[in-house]
N, C-alpha and C. Protein backbone atom coordinates (compact mmCIF):
# COMPACT_ATOMS: atom_id res chain seq x y z
N MET A 1 0.75 -1.35 -0.09
CA MET A 1 0.09 0.04 -0.03
C MET A 1 0.94 1.32 -0.02
N ARG A 2 0.67 2.26 -0.84
CA ARG A 2 1.21 3.45 -1.02
C ARG A 2 0.51 4.61 -0.89
N TYR A 3 1.17 5.67 -0.09
CA TYR A 3 0.51 6.70 0.01
C TYR A 3 0.90 8.03 -0.66
N CYS A 4 -0.09 8.79 -1.20
CA CYS A 4 0.30 9.80 -2.28
C CYS A 4 0.32 11.06 -1.60
N TYR A 5 1.36 11.95 -1.50
CA TYR A 5 1.52 13.15 -0.48
C TYR A 5 0.89 14.31 -1.59
N SER A 6 0.41 13.80 -2.73
CA SER A 6 0.01 14.94 -3.69
C SER A 6 -1.28 15.04 -3.50
N CYS A 7 -2.32 13.88 -3.46
CA CYS A 7 -3.43 13.86 -3.45
C CYS A 7 -4.24 13.41 -2.44
N ASN A 8 -3.14 12.96 -1.02
CA ASN A 8 -3.70 12.60 0.20
C ASN A 8 -4.83 11.43 0.03
N ARG A 9 -4.34 10.26 -0.83
CA ARG A 9 -4.70 9.02 -0.92
C ARG A 9 -4.06 7.76 -0.94
N LEU A 10 -4.43 6.84 -0.40
CA LEU A 10 -3.82 5.53 -0.46
C LEU A 10 -4.07 4.57 -1.64
N THR A 11 -3.06 3.95 -2.06
CA THR A 11 -3.58 3.05 -3.25
C THR A 11 -2.70 1.62 -2.89
N THR A 12 -3.71 0.74 -2.95
CA THR A 12 -3.34 -0.67 -2.53
C THR A 12 -2.46 -1.39 -3.34
N GLY A 13 -1.66 -2.40 -2.94
CA GLY A 13 -0.66 -2.87 -3.71
C GLY A 13 0.65 -2.25 -3.72
N GLU A 14 1.53 -2.59 -4.49
CA GLU A 14 2.94 -1.75 -4.68
C GLU A 14 2.82 -1.20 -6.15
N PRO A 15 1.95 -0.27 -6.26
CA PRO A 15 1.74 0.71 -7.54
C PRO A 15 3.23 1.35 -8.00
N VAL A 16 3.21 1.74 -9.10
CA VAL A 16 4.36 2.71 -9.62
C VAL A 16 3.90 4.12 -9.38
N PHE A 17 2.61 4.38 -9.70
CA PHE A 17 2.23 5.49 -9.87
C PHE A 17 0.50 5.80 -9.09
N CYS A 18 0.21 6.74 -8.46
CA CYS A 18 -1.14 7.25 -7.93
C CYS A 18 -2.19 6.89 -9.02
N SER A 19 -3.11 6.00 -8.54
CA SER A 19 -4.14 5.62 -9.32
C SER A 19 -5.19 7.08 -9.36
N VAL A 20 -5.20 8.05 -8.59
CA VAL A 20 -6.05 8.88 -8.47
C VAL A 20 -5.67 10.12 -9.22
N CYS A 21 -4.35 11.02 -8.82
CA CYS A 21 -3.43 11.81 -9.55
C CYS A 21 -2.70 11.42 -10.61
N GLY A 22 -2.19 10.32 -10.76
CA GLY A 22 -1.08 9.93 -11.87
C GLY A 22 0.23 10.22 -11.55
N LYS A 23 0.43 10.84 -10.49
CA LYS A 23 1.82 11.13 -10.06
C LYS A 23 2.55 9.87 -9.65
N THR A 24 4.04 9.90 -9.98
CA THR A 24 4.64 8.70 -9.61
C THR A 24 5.15 8.80 -7.91
N TYR A 25 5.48 7.63 -7.44
CA TYR A 25 6.20 7.76 -6.18
C TYR A 25 7.64 7.85 -6.18
N ASP A 26 8.34 8.96 -5.75
CA ASP A 26 10.06 9.25 -5.91
C ASP A 26 10.45 8.67 -6.97
N VAL A 27 10.07 8.61 -8.07
CA VAL A 27 10.59 8.44 -9.31
C VAL A 27 10.22 9.11 -10.57
N LYS A 28 10.66 9.30 -11.78
CA LYS A 28 10.11 9.64 -12.91
C LYS A 28 10.19 8.06 -14.18
N LEU A 29 8.77 8.24 -14.84
CA LEU A 29 8.80 7.05 -15.91
C LEU A 29 8.59 7.87 -17.30
N CYS A 30 9.08 7.23 -18.30
CA CYS A 30 9.14 7.61 -19.32
C CYS A 30 7.80 6.94 -20.10
N PRO A 31 7.43 7.08 -21.10
CA PRO A 31 6.18 6.46 -21.79
C PRO A 31 6.31 4.78 -21.92
N ARG A 32 7.62 4.51 -21.99
CA ARG A 32 7.83 3.10 -21.78
C ARG A 32 8.02 2.32 -20.31
N LEU A 33 7.95 3.32 -19.34
CA LEU A 33 7.80 2.94 -17.92
C LEU A 33 8.93 2.45 -17.55
N HIS A 34 10.37 3.06 -18.05
CA HIS A 34 11.55 2.98 -17.74
C HIS A 34 11.70 3.94 -16.21
N VAL A 35 12.41 3.21 -15.28
CA VAL A 35 12.37 4.10 -13.84
C VAL A 35 13.78 4.80 -14.08
N ASN A 36 13.30 6.11 -13.73
CA ASN A 36 14.58 7.21 -13.58
C ASN A 36 14.32 7.82 -12.29
N THR A 37 15.63 8.70 -11.83
CA THR A 37 15.52 9.06 -10.43
C THR A 37 14.45 10.55 -10.67
N ARG A 38 14.04 10.98 -9.75
CA ARG A 38 12.80 11.99 -9.59
C ARG A 38 13.67 13.32 -10.23
N TYR A 39 15.33 13.32 -10.31
CA TYR A 39 15.68 14.63 -10.71
C TYR A 39 16.14 14.56 -12.32
N SER A 40 15.83 13.35 -12.89
CA SER A 40 16.24 13.05 -14.29
C SER A 40 15.20 14.07 -15.22
N GLU A 41 16.12 14.44 -16.40
CA GLU A 41 15.55 15.45 -17.42
C GLU A 41 15.23 14.54 -18.59
N VAL A 42 15.99 13.46 -19.00
CA VAL A 42 15.83 12.75 -19.94
C VAL A 42 15.77 11.01 -19.39
N CYS A 43 15.29 10.30 -20.18
CA CYS A 43 15.08 8.71 -19.77
C CYS A 43 16.49 8.24 -19.95
N SER A 44 17.19 7.48 -18.97
CA SER A 44 18.59 6.94 -19.11
C SER A 44 18.46 5.66 -20.03
N GLN A 45 17.42 5.30 -20.56
CA GLN A 45 17.34 4.03 -21.09
C GLN A 45 16.92 4.21 -22.59
N CYS A 46 15.82 5.49 -22.91
CA CYS A 46 15.60 5.45 -24.51
C CYS A 46 15.48 6.53 -24.74
N GLY A 47 15.97 7.69 -23.75
CA GLY A 47 16.31 9.07 -24.09
C GLY A 47 15.16 9.87 -24.56
N SER A 48 13.85 9.28 -23.74
CA SER A 48 12.63 10.19 -23.95
C SER A 48 12.75 11.52 -23.06
N ARG A 49 12.32 12.49 -23.39
CA ARG A 49 12.02 13.89 -22.74
C ARG A 49 10.57 13.99 -21.97
N ASP A 50 9.95 12.86 -22.08
CA ASP A 50 8.28 13.06 -21.74
C ASP A 50 8.39 12.22 -20.52
N LEU A 51 8.64 12.70 -19.44
CA LEU A 51 8.57 12.13 -18.30
C LEU A 51 7.60 12.53 -17.20
N SER A 52 7.41 11.35 -16.59
CA SER A 52 5.96 11.90 -15.56
C SER A 52 6.76 12.67 -14.51
N THR A 53 5.55 12.82 -13.62
CA THR A 53 5.82 14.05 -12.49
C THR A 53 5.65 13.35 -11.16
N PRO A 54 6.52 13.33 -10.42
CA PRO A 54 6.57 12.58 -9.19
C PRO A 54 5.87 13.52 -8.05
N GLN A 55 5.69 12.51 -6.91
CA GLN A 55 4.87 13.21 -5.94
C GLN A 55 5.86 14.14 -5.46
N PRO A 56 5.31 14.98 -4.33
CA PRO A 56 6.16 16.06 -3.83
C PRO A 56 7.23 15.14 -2.74
N LYS A 57 8.26 15.58 -2.70
CA LYS A 57 9.34 14.95 -1.81
C LYS A 57 8.95 14.88 -0.53
N VAL A 58 8.83 13.93 0.32
CA VAL A 58 8.79 14.17 1.82
C VAL A 58 9.95 14.19 2.47
N PRO A 59 10.14 15.43 3.53
CA PRO A 59 11.36 16.06 4.07
C PRO A 59 11.69 14.60 5.03
N PHE A 60 12.88 14.85 5.29
CA PHE A 60 13.65 13.91 6.02
C PHE A 60 13.17 13.79 7.42
N TRP A 61 12.62 15.06 7.91
CA TRP A 61 12.46 15.19 9.49
C TRP A 61 11.06 14.52 9.46
N GLY A 62 10.06 14.59 8.25
CA GLY A 62 8.80 14.25 8.49
C GLY A 62 8.90 12.73 8.78
N ARG A 63 10.04 12.01 7.77
CA ARG A 63 9.82 10.49 8.05
C ARG A 63 10.38 10.15 9.47
N VAL A 64 11.46 10.95 9.76
CA VAL A 64 12.11 10.38 11.42
C VAL A 64 10.81 10.94 12.46
N LEU A 65 10.25 11.88 12.13
CA LEU A 65 9.22 12.29 13.30
C LEU A 65 8.17 11.35 13.19
N ALA A 66 7.74 10.52 12.10
CA ALA A 66 6.62 9.45 12.02
C ALA A 66 7.12 8.30 12.55
N PHE A 67 8.72 8.12 12.41
CA PHE A 67 9.00 6.95 13.17
C PHE A 67 9.00 7.10 14.65
N LEU A 68 9.79 8.15 15.04
CA LEU A 68 9.88 8.30 16.49
C LEU A 68 8.45 8.34 17.23
N VAL A 69 7.58 8.88 16.41
CA VAL A 69 6.04 8.89 17.37
C VAL A 69 5.70 7.43 17.41
N THR A 70 5.62 6.88 16.22
CA THR A 70 4.95 5.48 16.13
C THR A 70 5.70 4.81 17.24
N PHE A 71 7.33 4.71 17.12
CA PHE A 71 7.77 3.71 18.13
C PHE A 71 7.72 4.29 19.42
N THR A 72 7.79 5.33 19.92
CA THR A 72 7.53 5.79 21.53
C THR A 72 6.26 5.46 21.72
N LEU A 73 5.05 5.60 21.02
CA LEU A 73 3.79 5.25 21.30
C LEU A 73 3.50 3.44 21.31
N GLY A 74 4.00 3.14 20.46
CA GLY A 74 4.47 1.64 20.55
C GLY A 74 4.85 0.84 21.82
N ALA A 75 6.11 1.39 22.16
CA ALA A 75 7.03 1.06 23.39
C ALA A 75 5.96 1.33 24.48
N ALA A 76 5.40 2.51 24.75
CA ALA A 76 4.71 2.81 25.90
C ALA A 76 3.52 1.98 26.06
N LEU A 77 3.06 1.72 25.00
CA LEU A 77 1.37 0.81 25.27
C LEU A 77 2.00 -0.54 25.27
N SER A 78 3.13 -0.98 24.85
CA SER A 78 3.73 -2.60 25.09
C SER A 78 4.08 -2.47 26.69
N ILE A 79 4.70 -1.45 27.36
CA ILE A 79 5.02 -1.55 28.77
C ILE A 79 3.64 -1.57 29.64
N LEU A 80 2.85 -0.60 29.12
CA LEU A 80 1.60 -0.47 29.67
C LEU A 80 0.61 -1.77 29.86
N SER A 81 0.89 -2.77 28.59
CA SER A 81 0.15 -3.78 28.43
C SER A 81 0.59 -4.97 29.25
N LEU A 82 1.97 -4.90 29.38
CA LEU A 82 2.75 -5.57 30.16
C LEU A 82 2.33 -5.76 31.67
N LEU A 83 2.24 -4.45 32.00
CA LEU A 83 2.13 -3.82 33.42
C LEU A 83 0.65 -4.28 33.67
N PHE A 84 -0.17 -3.96 32.83
CA PHE A 84 -1.80 -4.38 32.86
C PHE A 84 -1.91 -5.83 33.29
N VAL A 85 -1.30 -6.77 32.62
CA VAL A 85 -1.22 -8.26 32.67
C VAL A 85 -0.81 -8.64 33.87
N LEU A 86 0.56 -7.97 34.65
CA LEU A 86 0.70 -8.42 35.75
C LEU A 86 -0.24 -8.06 36.78
N VAL A 87 -0.58 -6.89 36.82
CA VAL A 87 -1.51 -6.44 37.88
C VAL A 87 -2.77 -7.29 37.74
N PHE A 88 -3.29 -7.35 36.44
CA PHE A 88 -4.47 -8.35 36.23
C PHE A 88 -4.41 -9.55 37.05
N LEU A 89 -3.41 -10.29 36.88
CA LEU A 89 -3.26 -11.84 37.48
C LEU A 89 -2.89 -11.41 38.86
N ARG A 90 -2.19 -10.48 39.47
CA ARG A 90 -2.04 -10.60 41.11
C ARG A 90 -3.42 -10.20 41.57
N GLU A 91 -4.21 -9.50 40.98
CA GLU A 91 -5.77 -9.10 41.41
C GLU A 91 -6.49 -10.44 41.14
N VAL A 92 -6.49 -11.12 40.44
CA VAL A 92 -7.27 -12.14 39.95
C VAL A 92 -7.19 -13.29 41.05
N PHE A 93 -5.89 -13.27 41.44
CA PHE A 93 -5.48 -14.44 42.56
C PHE A 93 -5.65 -13.96 44.01
N SER A 94 -5.85 -12.81 44.15
CA SER A 94 -5.91 -11.96 45.67
C SER A 94 -7.39 -11.41 45.79
N ASN A 95 -8.08 -10.83 44.79
CA ASN A 95 -9.18 -10.47 45.15
C ASN A 95 -10.30 -10.35 43.96
N SER A 96 -11.13 -11.34 43.96
CA SER A 96 -12.07 -11.65 42.79
C SER A 96 -12.83 -10.28 42.44
N ASN A 97 -13.24 -9.76 43.39
CA ASN A 97 -14.14 -8.34 43.21
C ASN A 97 -13.57 -7.37 42.30
N ALA A 98 -12.43 -7.24 42.04
CA ALA A 98 -11.59 -6.33 41.05
C ALA A 98 -11.58 -6.69 39.78
N LEU A 99 -12.35 -7.54 39.14
CA LEU A 99 -12.53 -8.05 37.95
C LEU A 99 -12.97 -6.85 37.21
N ASN A 100 -14.24 -6.15 37.77
CA ASN A 100 -14.87 -5.21 36.91
C ASN A 100 -13.92 -4.05 36.75
N MET A 101 -13.24 -3.64 37.65
CA MET A 101 -12.46 -2.33 37.22
C MET A 101 -11.23 -2.88 36.38
N MET A 102 -10.61 -3.97 36.62
CA MET A 102 -9.80 -4.68 35.54
C MET A 102 -10.25 -4.82 34.26
N PHE A 103 -11.60 -4.91 34.30
CA PHE A 103 -12.18 -5.28 32.70
C PHE A 103 -12.00 -3.74 32.09
N GLY A 104 -12.77 -3.04 32.94
CA GLY A 104 -12.67 -1.33 32.37
C GLY A 104 -11.51 -0.67 31.94
N ILE A 105 -10.41 -1.16 32.59
CA ILE A 105 -8.99 -0.83 31.99
C ILE A 105 -8.49 -1.37 30.99
N GLY A 106 -8.91 -2.92 30.95
CA GLY A 106 -8.55 -3.75 29.82
C GLY A 106 -9.29 -3.01 28.20
N ILE A 107 -10.54 -2.48 28.39
CA ILE A 107 -11.19 -1.72 27.47
C ILE A 107 -10.32 -0.69 27.20
N LEU A 108 -10.29 0.25 27.96
CA LEU A 108 -9.38 1.65 27.87
C LEU A 108 -8.06 1.27 27.09
N LEU A 109 -7.26 0.17 27.46
CA LEU A 109 -6.20 -0.27 27.09
C LEU A 109 -6.25 -0.49 25.48
N ALA A 110 -7.33 -1.54 25.23
CA ALA A 110 -7.57 -1.66 23.74
C ALA A 110 -8.05 -0.62 22.93
N LEU A 111 -8.55 0.21 23.49
CA LEU A 111 -8.70 1.55 22.93
C LEU A 111 -7.67 2.52 22.62
N LEU A 112 -6.68 2.60 23.30
CA LEU A 112 -5.38 3.13 23.36
C LEU A 112 -4.60 2.33 22.21
N TRP A 113 -4.68 1.17 21.93
CA TRP A 113 -3.88 0.15 20.95
C TRP A 113 -4.40 0.83 19.48
N TRP A 114 -5.88 0.63 19.66
CA TRP A 114 -6.68 0.99 18.43
C TRP A 114 -6.17 2.72 17.96
N MET A 115 -5.88 3.48 18.87
CA MET A 115 -5.69 4.80 18.62
C MET A 115 -4.27 5.05 18.13
N TRP A 116 -3.44 4.09 18.81
CA TRP A 116 -1.81 3.71 18.05
C TRP A 116 -1.73 3.61 16.71
N ALA A 117 -2.50 2.80 16.38
CA ALA A 117 -2.63 1.83 15.06
C ALA A 117 -2.87 2.88 14.06
N GLN A 118 -3.88 4.28 14.50
CA GLN A 118 -4.42 5.15 13.55
C GLN A 118 -3.37 6.14 13.72
N VAL A 119 -2.16 6.51 14.31
CA VAL A 119 -1.35 7.43 14.39
C VAL A 119 -0.80 7.81 13.07
N PRO A 120 -0.18 6.75 12.16
CA PRO A 120 0.62 7.15 10.81
C PRO A 120 -0.71 7.85 9.59
N HIS A 121 -1.73 7.67 9.95
CA HIS A 121 -2.84 8.23 9.18
C HIS A 121 -3.08 9.77 9.56
N TRP A 122 -2.82 10.01 10.85
CA TRP A 122 -3.06 11.46 11.22
C TRP A 122 -1.59 12.00 10.96
N LEU A 123 -0.51 11.37 10.76
CA LEU A 123 0.47 12.12 10.65
C LEU A 123 0.62 12.31 9.20
N ARG A 124 0.24 11.38 8.14
CA ARG A 124 0.24 11.75 7.16
C ARG A 124 -0.52 12.74 6.53
N LYS A 125 -1.68 13.05 7.16
CA LYS A 125 -2.70 14.10 7.24
C LYS A 125 -1.85 15.43 7.30
N ARG A 126 -1.27 15.58 8.50
CA ARG A 126 -0.59 16.65 9.04
C ARG A 126 0.57 16.83 7.91
N MET A 127 1.47 16.05 7.40
CA MET A 127 2.46 16.18 6.49
C MET A 127 1.70 16.87 5.31
N HIS A 128 0.53 16.04 4.87
CA HIS A 128 0.07 16.75 3.56
C HIS A 128 -0.35 18.28 3.87
N ARG A 129 -1.00 18.59 4.73
CA ARG A 129 -1.30 20.04 5.09
C ARG A 129 0.05 20.80 5.07
N ILE A 130 1.16 20.39 5.46
CA ILE A 130 2.24 20.88 6.04
C ILE A 130 2.79 21.30 4.22
N LEU A 131 2.85 20.11 3.86
CA LEU A 131 3.48 20.08 2.17
C LEU A 131 2.62 21.14 1.42
N SER A 132 1.30 20.96 1.53
CA SER A 132 0.40 21.75 0.57
C SER A 132 0.40 23.41 0.80
N SER A 133 0.40 23.91 2.47
CA SER A 133 0.74 25.15 2.54
C SER A 133 2.11 25.61 1.93
N LYS A 134 3.03 24.82 2.19
CA LYS A 134 4.66 25.33 1.45
C LYS A 134 4.51 25.69 0.26
N ARG A 135 3.71 24.42 -0.72
CA ARG A 135 3.65 24.71 -2.13
C ARG A 135 2.89 25.88 -2.59
N SER A 136 1.92 26.06 -1.79
CA SER A 136 0.94 27.29 -1.99
C SER A 136 1.82 28.71 -1.88
N LYS A 137 2.78 28.70 -0.92
CA LYS A 137 3.50 30.05 -0.34
C LYS A 137 4.58 30.24 -1.42
N GLU A 138 5.03 29.10 -2.10
CA GLU A 138 6.18 29.05 -3.29
C GLU A 138 5.70 29.96 -4.31
N ARG A 139 4.22 29.62 -4.48
CA ARG A 139 3.50 30.02 -6.03
C ARG A 139 3.30 31.33 -5.99
C-alpha cells in the first residue's frame, strides 16, 4: 500500500504511480515505463524527454518524526500492556471483586492500542497539510 502526498490518497498493492492523480512515487517514468530518478530530465534508457511528474518529496524530518512517534507510542503501550497483565494476574488471585475494574482498564487499553494503530494516518494528513501550505506559499 502506498500513500500519495500529492492527493492525500492510499493506493493498494505496490503501484508505480498514484491511481487518482497519476503522479509517481519518488521516481520519474518515461512512456515506456523505464524508471529514472526524480531529478532526471531525460530517460536514461530510451532518451525520451516525456517523463512523469513525481509526488512532492517528503522531508527527512517528516519520516524521522513519524518513526519516532510510532515507536515511542508503541513502546509505551507495550509496557503499559505488560503492567496491566501483571496487575490483572495479581488481582485475580488475591481479590475476585476487582475483575470489573480490571475489565474497564482492559477496554481502555484496547482503545489506546486502536488509536496507536491510527497514528500514521494522522501524521500523513498533517504532513500533507504542511506540504500543501509550503507549495502554495512558493507559487
